[in-house]
Amino acid sequence: MKKLLFLLAILIIVLAISQKSRLPFGLQPDSLPDQKVEKQTVVYQESVITKVVEESLPSVVTVGITKTASTGDLFEIDPFNLFAPFKRVPESTRKVEQNIGSGFIISSDGLIITNKHVVSDSDASYKILTNDNKKYDITKIYRDPLNDLAILKINTSGLKPLKLGNSNNLKLGQMAIAIGTPLGEFQNTITVGIISGLGRGITAGSPFEGYVEKLDNVIQTDAAINPGNSGGPLLNSSGQVIGINTAIAGDSQNIGFAIPVNIVKDLIENFNKQGGNFERPYIGVRYKIIDRETAVLNDLVEGAYVIEVLENSPAQKADIQEEDMIIEFDGQKVKGDDDQGLAKKILQKKIGEKVNLKIWRNGEVMQKQLTLEAFDE
């Protein structure tokens, strides 16, 4: 009897094992929870991206340029002249139209953000192509002298602006979604990656314009960014702009850079303080910042060394001269360790405002007063 019970128990165990082994691979009881979690994670990530893209695309634009280019001297074949079958055709010009960058809408009445290097040619005209394939002439451009940023104006209304996030609380590894027109051809291309680095220093530029500028404290991302993406938004998983796509590392792959959005917010705030005016205050000098060490070695003082005074400028009217050293601007010292210090101080003022300058000239300190005038590019 005991033997019979023992054999029966073994038979039950064998049957149970054989039934379990018949389950398809991947549907084993122990693996079911993991498979469910993985499937939910993939579906969630895809839905986040598609939602951000769907909500953001109407606010992303393509920037195009129209300019006159020289063709240079050309040669034509002359079949009736055997001794000189080629004849020179004089240099001529032609109109060139090309999509060169990206941007995004920041106000319903036609304000758009892009990179300054995208619209750096002041002799060219520019157009905006929206997501619904409508074209608009850019009527005004405000180029930020401190950063690689520009505000564009088109004459329309009812646009959908993108929401601006906060770039001060970014985390390494968080999702980054880039939208733009890479190579000037593929409108509204979406690439996805992560924030790969923070606080980087780079040199940015445009292969279309031949323009470069040094930028500090930019965001690094592995979301694919190519020429033509410049000026487009870098978005977080909530669809908020966290950066403006600006540059790529030329000798590498999957290394792109974006200007933090808080710099854009500062630009917009200063722009609004000027009453939304595309003109900005200027004093009319070209200068070079002299730091303390250089000043000591050359028997000078620390400040902004005036290289050139523009004709009919506020500086000329106030009798500021070449080789003067601006050491104070309206009561604030011009420090030699801040290349953008004087420019920032000027931008914080309003057109028509009177400011006092302290000038060092040939060992003598002088006081000058000038009235800020408008500089309209």
Protein backbone atom coordinates (compact mmCIF):
# COMPACT_ATOMS: atom_id res chain seq x y z
CA MET A 1 0.00 0.00 0.00
CA LYS A 2 2.81 2.39 0.92
CA LYS A 3 4.55 1.62 -2.39
CA LEU A 4 1.35 2.40 -4.28
CA LEU A 5 0.94 5.78 -2.54
CA PHE A 6 4.61 6.63 -3.20
CA LEU A 7 4.28 5.85 -6.94
CA LEU A 8 1.06 7.90 -7.10
CA ALA A 9 2.80 10.93 -5.55
CA ILE A 10 5.67 10.72 -8.05
CA LEU A 11 3.19 10.50 -10.92
CA ILE A 12 1.38 13.66 -9.75
CA ILE A 13 4.67 15.59 -9.55
CA VAL A 14 5.74 14.48 -13.04
CA LEU A 15 2.36 15.50 -14.50
CA ALA A 16 2.61 18.94 -12.87
CA ILE A 17 6.08 19.54 -14.26
CA SER A 18 5.07 18.42 -17.75
CA GLN A 19 2.06 20.81 -17.77
CA LYS A 20 4.27 23.77 -16.76
CA SER A 21 6.78 22.97 -19.48
CA ARG A 22 4.02 23.14 -22.10
CA LEU A 23 3.53 26.89 -21.47
CA PRO A 24 5.07 29.01 -24.26
CA PHE A 25 8.49 30.53 -23.51
CA GLY A 26 7.91 34.06 -22.20
CA LEU A 27 4.59 33.05 -20.60
CA GLN A 28 6.17 31.10 -17.76
CA PRO A 29 4.54 32.06 -14.47
CA ASP A 30 7.76 33.52 -13.04
CA SER A 31 8.33 35.76 -16.08
CA LEU A 32 4.84 37.23 -16.43
CA PRO A 33 5.28 40.19 -14.04
CA ASP A 34 8.56 41.34 -15.68
CA GLN A 35 7.09 41.16 -19.17
CA LYS A 36 4.09 43.23 -18.11
CA VAL A 37 6.27 45.95 -16.55
CA GLU A 38 8.52 46.14 -19.61
CA LYS A 39 5.53 46.45 -21.98
CA GLN A 40 3.96 49.19 -19.86
CA THR A 41 7.27 51.14 -19.76
CA VAL A 42 7.72 51.08 -23.55
CA VAL A 43 4.14 52.12 -24.24
CA TYR A 44 4.34 54.94 -21.67
CA GLN A 45 7.55 56.37 -23.14
CA GLU A 46 6.16 56.32 -26.67
CA SER A 47 2.96 58.04 -25.57
CA VAL A 48 4.95 60.78 -23.80
CA ILE A 49 6.99 61.52 -26.94
CA THR A 50 4.03 61.44 -29.33
CA LYS A 51 2.03 63.74 -27.06
CA VAL A 52 4.87 66.29 -26.83
CA VAL A 53 5.39 66.22 -30.59
CA GLU A 54 1.69 66.55 -31.36
CA GLU A 55 1.32 69.58 -29.08
CA SER A 56 4.58 71.26 -30.12
CA LEU A 57 4.71 70.92 -33.91
CA PRO A 58 2.30 73.81 -34.64
CA SER A 59 4.72 76.11 -32.79
CA VAL A 60 7.95 75.11 -34.58
CA VAL A 61 8.98 76.96 -37.76
CA THR A 62 11.60 76.84 -40.50
CA VAL A 63 13.74 79.91 -41.28
CA GLY A 64 14.64 80.59 -44.92
CA ILE A 65 17.03 83.11 -46.46
CA THR A 66 16.89 85.04 -49.74
CA LYS A 67 20.08 86.76 -50.88
CA THR A 68 21.96 87.77 -54.00
CA ALA A 69 25.01 85.63 -54.70
CA SER A 70 27.78 86.03 -57.24
CA THR A 71 28.32 83.23 -59.73
CA GLY A 72 31.89 84.24 -60.58
CA ASP A 73 33.42 84.07 -64.04
CA LEU A 74 32.09 81.19 -66.14
CA PHE A 75 33.19 79.64 -69.43
CA GLU A 76 31.06 78.67 -72.43
CA ILE A 77 31.98 76.44 -75.37
CA ASP A 78 32.20 78.24 -78.73
CA PRO A 79 31.87 75.48 -81.38
CA PHE A 80 32.76 77.86 -84.24
CA ASN A 81 36.18 78.79 -82.87
CA LEU A 82 38.60 75.86 -83.08
CA PHE A 83 41.56 77.87 -81.80
CA ALA A 84 39.77 79.25 -78.73
CA PRO A 85 36.83 76.91 -78.06
CA PHE A 86 36.14 78.40 -74.61
CA LYS A 87 35.03 81.97 -74.02
CA ARG A 88 34.73 83.75 -70.69
CA VAL A 89 31.32 84.83 -69.44
CA PRO A 90 31.50 87.88 -67.14
CA GLU A 91 30.64 87.53 -63.49
CA SER A 92 26.92 87.68 -62.80
CA THR A 93 24.59 87.55 -59.83
CA ARG A 94 21.59 85.41 -59.01
CA LYS A 95 19.01 85.23 -56.27
CA VAL A 96 19.48 82.30 -53.86
CA GLU A 97 16.66 80.98 -51.69
CA GLN A 98 17.38 78.33 -49.08
CA ASN A 99 16.02 77.01 -45.78
CA ILE A 100 18.83 77.45 -43.27
CA GLY A 101 17.49 77.05 -39.75
CA SER A 102 14.67 76.53 -37.30
CA GLY A 103 12.80 78.53 -34.69
CA PHE A 104 9.75 78.49 -32.46
CA ILE A 105 6.87 80.80 -31.66
CA ILE A 106 6.88 82.68 -28.35
CA SER A 107 3.83 84.92 -28.81
CA SER A 108 0.51 84.67 -30.62
CA ASP A 109 1.15 87.94 -32.50
CA GLY A 110 4.19 86.73 -34.43
CA LEU A 111 7.33 86.76 -32.26
CA ILE A 112 9.76 83.91 -32.94
CA ILE A 113 13.02 82.83 -31.31
CA THR A 114 16.00 81.48 -33.27
CA ASN A 115 19.81 81.63 -33.17
CA LYS A 116 21.54 84.87 -34.08
CA HIS A 117 23.89 83.02 -36.45
CA VAL A 118 20.87 81.80 -38.45
CA VAL A 119 19.95 85.42 -39.33
CA SER A 120 23.40 87.02 -39.12
CA ASP A 121 23.46 88.43 -42.67
CA SER A 122 22.00 91.92 -42.39
CA ASP A 123 21.99 92.30 -46.21
CA ALA A 124 19.71 89.30 -46.75
CA SER A 125 15.96 88.94 -46.35
CA TYR A 126 14.38 86.10 -44.39
CA LYS A 127 11.11 84.14 -44.43
CA ILE A 128 9.27 81.88 -42.00
CA LEU A 129 7.65 78.61 -43.05
CA THR A 130 5.12 77.35 -40.51
CA ASN A 131 4.06 73.79 -39.83
CA ASP A 132 0.95 74.23 -42.03
CA ASN A 133 3.19 75.39 -44.94
CA LYS A 134 2.27 79.08 -44.75
CA LYS A 135 5.05 81.54 -45.63
CA TYR A 136 5.64 84.92 -43.96
CA ASP A 137 8.24 87.64 -44.52
CA ILE A 138 10.31 88.46 -41.45
CA THR A 139 9.74 92.18 -41.01
CA LYS A 140 12.02 92.88 -38.04
CA ILE A 141 15.00 91.19 -36.37
CA TYR A 142 16.36 91.84 -32.89
CA ARG A 143 19.85 90.30 -32.62
CA ASP A 144 21.04 89.82 -29.05
CA PRO A 145 24.59 91.22 -28.87
CA LEU A 146 25.45 89.07 -25.83
CA ASN A 147 24.25 85.62 -26.88
CA ASP A 148 23.63 83.62 -30.03
CA LEU A 149 19.93 84.50 -29.99
CA ALA A 150 17.54 86.56 -32.08
CA ILE A 151 13.87 87.58 -31.91
CA LEU A 152 12.03 87.66 -35.24
CA LYS A 153 8.74 89.39 -36.11
CA ILE A 154 6.20 88.29 -38.68
CA ASN A 155 2.91 90.07 -39.34
CA THR A 156 0.20 87.63 -38.32
CA SER A 157 -1.86 86.65 -35.29
CA GLY A 158 -3.46 83.62 -33.69
CA LEU A 159 -0.23 81.65 -33.42
CA LYS A 160 0.38 79.03 -30.73
CA PRO A 161 3.43 79.80 -28.56
CA LEU A 162 5.50 77.10 -26.92
CA LYS A 163 5.68 76.93 -23.13
CA LEU A 164 9.05 77.90 -21.65
CA GLY A 165 10.42 75.66 -18.89
CA ASN A 166 13.21 76.14 -16.36
CA SER A 167 16.78 75.20 -17.28
CA ASN A 168 18.12 75.68 -13.75
CA ASN A 169 16.78 72.37 -12.47
CA LEU A 170 17.81 70.06 -15.33
CA LYS A 171 19.13 66.61 -14.45
CA LEU A 172 21.62 64.44 -16.30
CA GLY A 173 19.83 61.57 -18.00
CA GLN A 174 16.41 63.22 -18.33
CA MET A 175 14.59 63.01 -21.65
CA ALA A 176 15.34 65.59 -24.37
CA ILE A 177 13.28 65.96 -27.57
CA ALA A 178 14.60 68.10 -30.45
CA ILE A 179 12.47 69.43 -33.31
CA GLY A 180 13.79 71.27 -36.36
CA THR A 181 14.67 71.26 -40.06
CA PRO A 182 18.03 69.46 -40.39
CA LEU A 183 20.08 70.28 -43.49
CA GLY A 184 17.40 72.81 -44.43
CA GLU A 185 15.40 70.02 -46.09
CA PHE A 186 13.59 67.77 -43.66
CA GLN A 187 10.99 69.98 -41.99
CA ASN A 188 9.74 68.99 -38.53
CA THR A 189 12.22 66.20 -37.91
CA ILE A 190 11.95 64.69 -34.42
CA THR A 191 14.93 63.26 -32.54
CA VAL A 192 14.98 61.97 -28.98
CA GLY A 193 17.78 61.54 -26.47
CA ILE A 194 18.84 62.56 -23.00
CA ILE A 195 20.64 65.45 -21.34
CA SER A 196 24.25 64.29 -21.56
CA GLY A 197 26.03 67.21 -19.91
CA LEU A 198 25.53 70.64 -18.34
CA GLY A 199 27.64 73.78 -18.14
CA ARG A 200 29.62 73.13 -21.33
CA GLY A 201 31.60 75.80 -23.21
CA ILE A 202 31.52 75.72 -27.03
CA THR A 203 32.06 77.72 -30.21
CA ALA A 204 28.84 77.90 -32.23
CA GLY A 205 28.35 78.80 -35.88
CA SER A 206 26.50 78.20 -39.13
CA PRO A 207 27.95 76.49 -42.22
CA PHE A 208 25.55 78.60 -44.30
CA GLU A 209 26.66 81.94 -42.88
CA GLY A 210 30.30 81.36 -41.84
CA TYR A 211 29.62 82.83 -38.40
CA VAL A 212 31.06 81.69 -35.07
CA GLU A 213 30.53 82.74 -31.46
CA LYS A 214 31.80 81.47 -28.11
CA LEU A 215 29.08 80.29 -25.73
CA ASP A 216 29.32 79.21 -22.10
CA ASN A 217 27.08 77.11 -19.85
CA VAL A 218 25.26 75.29 -22.65
CA ILE A 219 23.36 71.99 -22.48
CA GLN A 220 24.84 68.87 -24.09
CA THR A 221 22.46 66.27 -25.53
CA ASP A 222 22.72 63.09 -27.58
CA ALA A 223 19.47 63.87 -29.42
CA ALA A 224 20.56 64.08 -33.06
CA ILE A 225 21.18 67.73 -34.04
CA ASN A 226 22.39 68.71 -37.52
CA PRO A 227 22.98 71.95 -39.44
CA GLY A 228 19.52 73.42 -39.94
CA ASN A 229 18.36 72.39 -36.46
CA SER A 230 19.83 75.65 -35.14
CA GLY A 231 17.20 77.76 -33.41
CA GLY A 232 14.73 74.92 -32.89
CA PRO A 233 13.47 73.90 -29.44
CA LEU A 234 14.87 71.26 -27.11
CA LEU A 235 11.89 70.02 -25.07
CA ASN A 236 11.39 68.05 -21.87
CA SER A 237 8.82 65.27 -21.36
CA SER A 238 6.21 67.88 -20.39
CA GLY A 239 6.53 69.67 -23.72
CA GLN A 240 8.30 72.70 -22.21
CA VAL A 241 11.26 74.35 -23.93
CA ILE A 242 14.44 73.74 -21.92
CA GLY A 243 16.93 74.88 -24.56
CA ILE A 244 17.52 76.25 -28.07
CA ASN A 245 19.42 73.85 -30.33
CA THR A 246 22.56 75.63 -31.39
CA ALA A 247 25.52 73.53 -32.48
CA ILE A 248 27.08 70.13 -32.97
CA ALA A 249 30.57 68.85 -32.22
CA GLY A 250 32.15 68.69 -35.67
CA ASP A 251 34.37 65.64 -35.24
CA SER A 252 32.00 63.40 -33.33
CA GLN A 253 28.56 61.82 -33.31
CA ASN A 254 25.64 62.20 -30.92
CA ILE A 255 27.02 65.37 -29.32
CA GLY A 256 24.74 68.38 -29.72
CA PHE A 257 24.41 71.59 -27.74
CA ALA A 258 21.58 73.92 -26.75
CA ILE A 259 21.42 77.36 -25.09
CA PRO A 260 19.54 77.09 -21.75
CA VAL A 261 16.01 78.48 -21.97
CA ASN A 262 16.50 80.76 -18.95
CA ILE A 263 18.85 82.86 -21.09
CA VAL A 264 16.02 83.21 -23.60
CA LYS A 265 13.64 84.23 -20.82
CA ASP A 266 16.09 86.97 -19.78
CA LEU A 267 16.24 88.17 -23.39
CA ILE A 268 12.44 88.29 -23.65
CA GLU A 269 12.22 90.16 -20.32
CA ASN A 270 14.73 92.79 -21.49
CA PHE A 271 12.92 93.04 -24.83
CA ASN A 272 9.62 93.67 -23.05
CA LYS A 273 11.25 96.28 -20.79
CA GLN A 274 12.11 98.16 -23.97
CA GLY A 275 8.40 98.14 -24.82
CA GLY A 276 8.80 95.36 -27.38
CA ASN A 277 11.04 97.67 -29.38
CA PHE A 278 13.35 96.06 -31.94
CA GLU A 279 15.71 99.00 -31.54
CA ARG A 280 18.18 98.85 -28.68
CA PRO A 281 20.23 101.51 -26.88
CA TYR A 282 23.84 102.06 -27.88
CA ILE A 283 26.68 104.48 -27.13
CA GLY A 284 28.58 104.03 -30.41
CA VAL A 285 32.03 102.69 -29.57
CA ARG A 286 34.04 99.59 -30.43
CA TYR A 287 36.11 98.57 -27.45
CA LYS A 288 38.38 95.93 -25.97
CA ILE A 289 38.19 94.95 -22.32
CA ILE A 290 41.51 95.39 -20.48
CA ASP A 291 41.93 93.25 -17.36
CA ARG A 292 43.96 94.30 -14.33
CA GLU A 293 47.07 92.31 -15.22
CA THR A 294 47.23 93.72 -18.76
CA ALA A 295 46.59 97.22 -17.43
CA VAL A 296 49.53 96.99 -14.99
CA LEU A 297 51.90 95.68 -17.67
CA ASN A 298 50.97 98.52 -20.07
CA ASP A 299 50.69 101.37 -17.58
CA LEU A 300 46.94 101.60 -18.10
CA VAL A 301 43.84 101.18 -15.95
CA GLU A 302 41.27 98.40 -15.92
CA GLY A 303 38.19 98.96 -18.10
CA ALA A 304 36.94 99.19 -21.71
CA TYR A 305 39.62 100.51 -24.09
CA VAL A 306 37.98 102.48 -26.92
CA ILE A 307 39.20 101.29 -30.33
CA GLU A 308 36.78 103.25 -32.51
CA VAL A 309 34.10 105.92 -32.06
CA LEU A 310 31.25 105.78 -34.57
CA GLU A 311 30.40 108.95 -36.45
CA ASN A 312 27.39 110.92 -35.12
CA SER A 313 27.05 108.47 -32.24
CA PRO A 314 26.20 109.41 -28.63
CA ALA A 315 29.85 108.76 -27.71
CA GLN A 316 31.15 111.20 -30.35
CA LYS A 317 28.64 113.84 -29.25
CA ALA A 318 29.91 113.42 -25.66
CA ASP A 319 33.55 113.90 -26.80
CA ILE A 320 34.67 110.33 -26.11
CA GLN A 321 37.80 109.63 -28.13
CA GLU A 322 39.81 106.69 -29.39
CA GLU A 323 42.26 105.33 -26.76
CA ASP A 324 40.01 106.54 -23.93
CA MET A 325 39.39 104.00 -21.18
CA ILE A 326 35.81 103.72 -19.90
CA ILE A 327 36.24 102.77 -16.23
CA GLU A 328 32.70 103.45 -14.96
CA PHE A 329 29.27 103.36 -16.61
CA ASP A 330 26.56 105.20 -14.70
CA GLY A 331 28.21 104.59 -11.34
CA GLN A 332 29.13 100.92 -12.00
CA LYS A 333 32.74 99.86 -12.48
CA VAL A 334 33.65 98.28 -15.82
CA LYS A 335 35.61 95.21 -14.74
CA GLY A 336 38.32 93.66 -16.86
CA ASP A 337 37.30 90.08 -16.06
CA ASP A 338 33.86 90.44 -17.70
CA ASP A 339 33.94 90.67 -21.51
CA GLN A 340 30.20 91.40 -21.72
CA GLY A 341 29.91 93.64 -18.66
CA LEU A 342 29.66 96.99 -20.49
CA ALA A 343 27.26 95.63 -23.12
CA LYS A 344 24.97 94.25 -20.41
CA LYS A 345 24.97 97.57 -18.58
CA ILE A 346 23.99 99.42 -21.76
CA LEU A 347 21.16 96.99 -22.55
CA GLN A 348 19.67 97.51 -19.08
CA LYS A 349 19.07 101.17 -19.95
CA LYS A 350 16.37 102.74 -22.12
CA ILE A 351 16.65 104.71 -25.33
CA GLY A 352 16.76 108.44 -24.53
CA GLU A 353 18.12 107.90 -21.00
CA LYS A 354 21.09 110.03 -19.87
CA VAL A 355 24.06 108.14 -18.40
CA ASN A 356 27.31 109.26 -16.80
CA LEU A 357 30.64 107.78 -17.87
CA LYS A 358 33.95 108.02 -16.05
CA ILE A 359 36.79 108.18 -18.57
CA TRP A 360 40.54 107.72 -18.08
CA ARG A 361 42.56 109.68 -20.66
CA ASN A 362 46.33 110.15 -20.54
CA GLY A 363 46.45 109.64 -16.80
CA GLU A 364 43.55 111.96 -16.08
CA VAL A 365 40.03 110.95 -14.98
CA MET A 366 37.12 112.78 -16.65
CA GLN A 367 33.35 112.76 -16.28
CA LYS A 368 31.21 112.54 -19.43
CA GLN A 369 27.45 112.45 -19.89
CA LEU A 370 25.71 111.10 -22.97
CA THR A 371 22.17 110.31 -24.09
CA LEU A 372 21.54 106.75 -25.27
CA GLU A 373 20.20 106.54 -28.80
CA ALA A 374 18.50 103.77 -30.75
CA PHE A 375 20.47 101.27 -32.76
CA ASP A 376 18.23 99.53 -35.29
CA GLU A 377 19.75 96.77 -37.41
